[in-house]
């Protein structure tokens, strides 16, 4: 994927993330994309929350959670999974 014009970081969407993202209604997709853009605009200073026992980070977007990893020096966000909070951590 190419970077969004608003985001200063390159967004790399996994197949799983893309598939699950496309299942959401447009208004939820927009909310998630806005949060990704906000994170990308200030990647180094954004408050990333690491999951316990994993090398992934979570981002809360309302009732949904997005799992991601990032490489701040290279300006890359790896978008791994997105779903409802009751399903993401299983």
N, C-alpha and C. Protein backbone atom coordinates (compact mmCIF):
# COMPACT_ATOMS: atom_id res chain seq x y z
N UNK A 1 0.84 -1.19 0.00
CA UNK A 1 0.00 0.00 0.00
C UNK A 1 0.89 1.25 0.00
N UNK A 2 0.40 2.27 -0.56
CA UNK A 2 1.14 3.53 -0.57
C UNK A 2 0.70 4.39 0.60
N UNK A 3 1.53 5.31 1.02
CA UNK A 3 1.16 6.15 2.16
C UNK A 3 0.00 7.07 1.82
N UNK A 4 -0.81 7.30 2.81
CA UNK A 4 -1.92 8.24 2.68
C UNK A 4 -1.33 9.64 2.66
N UNK A 5 -1.89 10.58 1.90
CA UNK A 5 -1.33 11.93 1.85
C UNK A 5 -1.26 12.62 3.21
N UNK A 6 -2.18 12.27 4.13
CA UNK A 6 -2.19 12.90 5.44
C UNK A 6 -1.13 12.28 6.34
N UNK A 7 -0.89 10.99 6.19
CA UNK A 7 0.05 10.27 7.02
C UNK A 7 1.46 10.44 6.50
N UNK A 8 2.39 10.67 7.41
CA UNK A 8 3.79 10.81 7.02
C UNK A 8 4.48 9.46 6.94
N UNK A 9 3.79 8.38 7.33
CA UNK A 9 4.37 7.05 7.36
C UNK A 9 3.80 6.17 6.25
N UNK A 10 4.60 5.20 5.84
CA UNK A 10 4.16 4.22 4.87
C UNK A 10 3.32 3.18 5.59
N UNK A 11 2.11 2.95 5.12
CA UNK A 11 1.20 1.97 5.72
C UNK A 11 1.30 0.68 4.93
N UNK A 12 1.68 -0.40 5.60
CA UNK A 12 1.78 -1.71 4.97
C UNK A 12 0.67 -2.58 5.53
N UNK A 13 -0.33 -2.86 4.70
CA UNK A 13 -1.51 -3.62 5.11
C UNK A 13 -1.29 -5.10 4.82
N UNK A 14 -1.49 -5.97 5.83
CA UNK A 14 -1.43 -7.40 5.59
C UNK A 14 -2.73 -7.83 4.93
N UNK A 15 -2.71 -9.01 4.34
CA UNK A 15 -3.91 -9.54 3.70
C UNK A 15 -5.05 -9.66 4.72
N UNK A 16 -4.73 -10.14 5.92
CA UNK A 16 -5.74 -10.29 6.97
C UNK A 16 -6.34 -8.95 7.35
N UNK A 17 -5.50 -7.95 7.54
CA UNK A 17 -5.99 -6.62 7.90
C UNK A 17 -6.91 -6.08 6.81
N UNK A 18 -6.49 -6.18 5.58
CA UNK A 18 -7.26 -5.66 4.45
C UNK A 18 -8.62 -6.35 4.35
N UNK A 19 -8.62 -7.68 4.48
CA UNK A 19 -9.87 -8.45 4.41
C UNK A 19 -10.83 -8.02 5.52
N UNK A 20 -10.33 -7.93 6.75
CA UNK A 20 -11.19 -7.58 7.88
C UNK A 20 -11.63 -6.12 7.82
N UNK A 21 -10.76 -5.24 7.37
CA UNK A 21 -11.09 -3.82 7.24
C UNK A 21 -12.24 -3.64 6.25
N UNK A 22 -12.21 -4.37 5.15
CA UNK A 22 -13.25 -4.24 4.12
C UNK A 22 -14.61 -4.71 4.59
N UNK A 23 -14.68 -5.49 5.65
CA UNK A 23 -15.96 -5.99 6.18
C UNK A 23 -16.70 -4.95 7.02
N UNK A 24 -16.01 -3.91 7.43
CA UNK A 24 -16.64 -2.90 8.26
C UNK A 24 -17.47 -1.94 7.42
N UNK A 25 -18.52 -1.35 8.02
CA UNK A 25 -19.27 -0.31 7.30
C UNK A 25 -18.37 0.91 7.05
N UNK A 26 -18.70 1.71 6.04
CA UNK A 26 -17.86 2.86 5.67
C UNK A 26 -17.54 3.82 6.82
N UNK A 27 -18.49 4.08 7.71
CA UNK A 27 -18.21 5.05 8.78
C UNK A 27 -17.18 4.50 9.77
N UNK A 28 -17.17 3.21 10.01
CA UNK A 28 -16.16 2.62 10.89
C UNK A 28 -14.81 2.57 10.18
N UNK A 29 -14.82 2.26 8.89
CA UNK A 29 -13.58 2.28 8.11
C UNK A 29 -12.93 3.66 8.18
N UNK A 30 -13.74 4.70 8.05
CA UNK A 30 -13.20 6.06 8.08
C UNK A 30 -12.60 6.39 9.45
N UNK A 31 -13.28 5.96 10.52
CA UNK A 31 -12.77 6.20 11.87
C UNK A 31 -11.43 5.49 12.07
N UNK A 32 -11.33 4.26 11.61
CA UNK A 32 -10.09 3.50 11.73
C UNK A 32 -8.99 4.17 10.91
N UNK A 33 -9.30 4.56 9.67
CA UNK A 33 -8.30 5.20 8.82
C UNK A 33 -7.83 6.52 9.41
N UNK A 34 -8.74 7.29 10.01
CA UNK A 34 -8.35 8.55 10.66
C UNK A 34 -7.36 8.30 11.79
N UNK A 35 -7.60 7.24 12.56
CA UNK A 35 -6.71 6.91 13.68
C UNK A 35 -5.34 6.46 13.17
N UNK A 36 -5.33 5.68 12.08
CA UNK A 36 -4.07 5.26 11.48
C UNK A 36 -3.29 6.48 10.99
N UNK A 37 -3.98 7.41 10.34
CA UNK A 37 -3.33 8.63 9.84
C UNK A 37 -2.77 9.46 10.98
N UNK A 38 -3.52 9.55 12.09
CA UNK A 38 -3.04 10.29 13.26
C UNK A 38 -1.76 9.65 13.80
N UNK A 39 -1.76 8.33 13.89
CA UNK A 39 -0.58 7.62 14.36
C UNK A 39 0.60 7.83 13.41
N UNK A 40 0.35 7.77 12.12
CA UNK A 40 1.41 7.92 11.13
C UNK A 40 2.00 9.31 11.10
N UNK A 41 1.20 10.31 11.41
CA UNK A 41 1.67 11.70 11.39
C UNK A 41 2.65 11.98 12.52
N UNK A 42 2.53 11.25 13.61
CA UNK A 42 3.46 11.43 14.74
C UNK A 42 3.87 10.07 15.31
N UNK A 43 4.44 9.27 14.45
CA UNK A 43 4.77 7.88 14.77
C UNK A 43 5.67 7.73 15.99
N UNK A 44 6.69 8.55 16.09
CA UNK A 44 7.63 8.40 17.21
C UNK A 44 7.04 8.85 18.54
N UNK A 45 6.18 9.85 18.54
CA UNK A 45 5.63 10.36 19.80
C UNK A 45 4.26 9.77 20.12
N UNK A 46 3.70 8.97 19.23
CA UNK A 46 2.38 8.38 19.46
C UNK A 46 2.47 7.35 20.59
N UNK A 47 1.47 7.32 21.49
CA UNK A 47 1.52 6.37 22.62
C UNK A 47 1.17 4.94 22.17
N UNK A 48 2.19 4.15 21.86
CA UNK A 48 1.98 2.76 21.44
C UNK A 48 1.85 1.88 22.68
N UNK A 49 0.90 0.94 22.65
CA UNK A 49 0.67 0.04 23.78
C UNK A 49 1.00 -1.38 23.35
N UNK A 50 2.11 -1.91 23.89
CA UNK A 50 2.55 -3.26 23.53
C UNK A 50 1.65 -4.30 24.21
N UNK A 51 1.32 -5.35 23.47
CA UNK A 51 0.57 -6.46 24.05
C UNK A 51 1.50 -7.29 24.93
N UNK A 52 0.98 -7.79 26.02
CA UNK A 52 1.79 -8.64 26.90
C UNK A 52 2.09 -9.95 26.20
N UNK A 53 3.34 -10.36 26.25
CA UNK A 53 3.74 -11.63 25.67
C UNK A 53 3.77 -11.65 24.15
N UNK A 54 3.76 -10.49 23.53
CA UNK A 54 3.76 -10.43 22.06
C UNK A 54 4.62 -9.25 21.60
N UNK A 55 4.99 -9.27 20.36
CA UNK A 55 5.77 -8.17 19.78
C UNK A 55 4.89 -7.25 18.96
N UNK A 56 3.62 -7.20 19.29
CA UNK A 56 2.67 -6.37 18.56
C UNK A 56 2.15 -5.27 19.48
N UNK A 57 1.57 -4.27 18.87
CA UNK A 57 0.99 -3.16 19.61
C UNK A 57 -0.49 -3.09 19.28
N UNK A 58 -1.25 -2.50 20.20
CA UNK A 58 -2.69 -2.35 19.96
C UNK A 58 -3.04 -0.88 19.87
N UNK A 59 -4.10 -0.62 19.14
CA UNK A 59 -4.62 0.74 19.03
C UNK A 59 -6.12 0.65 19.21
N UNK A 60 -6.64 1.39 20.16
CA UNK A 60 -8.07 1.38 20.43
C UNK A 60 -8.77 2.36 19.49
N UNK A 61 -9.83 1.86 18.85
CA UNK A 61 -10.66 2.70 17.97
C UNK A 61 -12.10 2.38 18.33
N UNK A 62 -12.63 3.07 19.35
CA UNK A 62 -13.98 2.78 19.82
C UNK A 62 -14.04 1.37 20.39
N UNK A 63 -14.99 0.55 19.90
CA UNK A 63 -15.12 -0.84 20.33
C UNK A 63 -14.21 -1.78 19.56
N UNK A 64 -13.39 -1.24 18.70
CA UNK A 64 -12.52 -2.05 17.85
C UNK A 64 -11.07 -1.88 18.26
N UNK A 65 -10.28 -2.89 17.93
CA UNK A 65 -8.85 -2.85 18.21
C UNK A 65 -8.10 -3.16 16.93
N UNK A 66 -6.98 -2.49 16.78
CA UNK A 66 -6.12 -2.72 15.64
C UNK A 66 -4.77 -3.18 16.19
N UNK A 67 -4.26 -4.27 15.66
CA UNK A 67 -2.94 -4.75 16.05
C UNK A 67 -1.96 -4.33 14.97
N UNK A 68 -0.82 -3.81 15.41
CA UNK A 68 0.15 -3.30 14.45
C UNK A 68 1.57 -3.42 15.01
N UNK A 69 2.50 -3.22 14.15
CA UNK A 69 3.91 -3.08 14.51
C UNK A 69 4.40 -1.85 13.76
N UNK A 70 5.54 -1.32 14.13
CA UNK A 70 6.02 -0.13 13.44
C UNK A 70 7.54 -0.07 13.47
N UNK A 71 8.07 0.66 12.53
CA UNK A 71 9.50 0.92 12.43
C UNK A 71 9.64 2.43 12.30
N UNK A 72 9.82 3.10 13.44
CA UNK A 72 9.85 4.56 13.46
C UNK A 72 10.98 5.15 12.63
N UNK A 73 12.22 4.62 12.69
CA UNK A 73 13.29 5.22 11.87
C UNK A 73 13.00 5.18 10.37
N UNK A 74 12.36 4.11 9.91
CA UNK A 74 12.02 4.00 8.49
C UNK A 74 10.65 4.57 8.16
N UNK A 75 9.88 4.94 9.19
CA UNK A 75 8.56 5.52 8.96
C UNK A 75 7.56 4.54 8.39
N UNK A 76 7.54 3.31 8.92
CA UNK A 76 6.63 2.28 8.42
C UNK A 76 5.71 1.79 9.52
N UNK A 77 4.44 1.58 9.16
CA UNK A 77 3.46 0.99 10.05
C UNK A 77 2.99 -0.30 9.39
N UNK A 78 3.12 -1.40 10.12
CA UNK A 78 2.65 -2.70 9.63
C UNK A 78 1.30 -2.98 10.27
N UNK A 79 0.24 -2.91 9.50
CA UNK A 79 -1.12 -3.11 10.00
C UNK A 79 -1.43 -4.60 9.89
N UNK A 80 -1.57 -5.26 11.04
CA UNK A 80 -1.65 -6.71 11.09
C UNK A 80 -3.07 -7.24 11.16
N UNK A 81 -3.90 -6.65 12.02
CA UNK A 81 -5.24 -7.20 12.25
C UNK A 81 -6.14 -6.10 12.80
N UNK A 82 -7.40 -6.15 12.45
CA UNK A 82 -8.39 -5.23 13.00
C UNK A 82 -9.68 -6.01 13.22
N UNK A 83 -10.34 -5.74 14.34
CA UNK A 83 -11.59 -6.42 14.63
C UNK A 83 -12.21 -5.86 15.89
N UNK A 84 -13.37 -6.42 16.25
CA UNK A 84 -14.05 -6.02 17.47
C UNK A 84 -13.21 -6.48 18.66
N UNK A 85 -13.25 -5.73 19.73
CA UNK A 85 -12.37 -6.01 20.87
C UNK A 85 -12.57 -7.41 21.46
N UNK A 86 -13.78 -7.96 21.36
CA UNK A 86 -14.02 -9.29 21.92
C UNK A 86 -13.38 -10.39 21.07
N UNK A 87 -13.02 -10.07 19.82
CA UNK A 87 -12.47 -11.08 18.92
C UNK A 87 -10.96 -10.95 18.71
N UNK A 88 -10.42 -9.78 18.91
CA UNK A 88 -9.02 -9.51 18.55
C UNK A 88 -8.04 -10.31 19.38
N UNK A 89 -8.28 -10.46 20.67
CA UNK A 89 -7.29 -11.05 21.55
C UNK A 89 -7.38 -12.57 21.66
N UNK A 90 -8.25 -13.20 20.91
CA UNK A 90 -8.40 -14.67 20.98
C UNK A 90 -7.31 -15.37 20.23
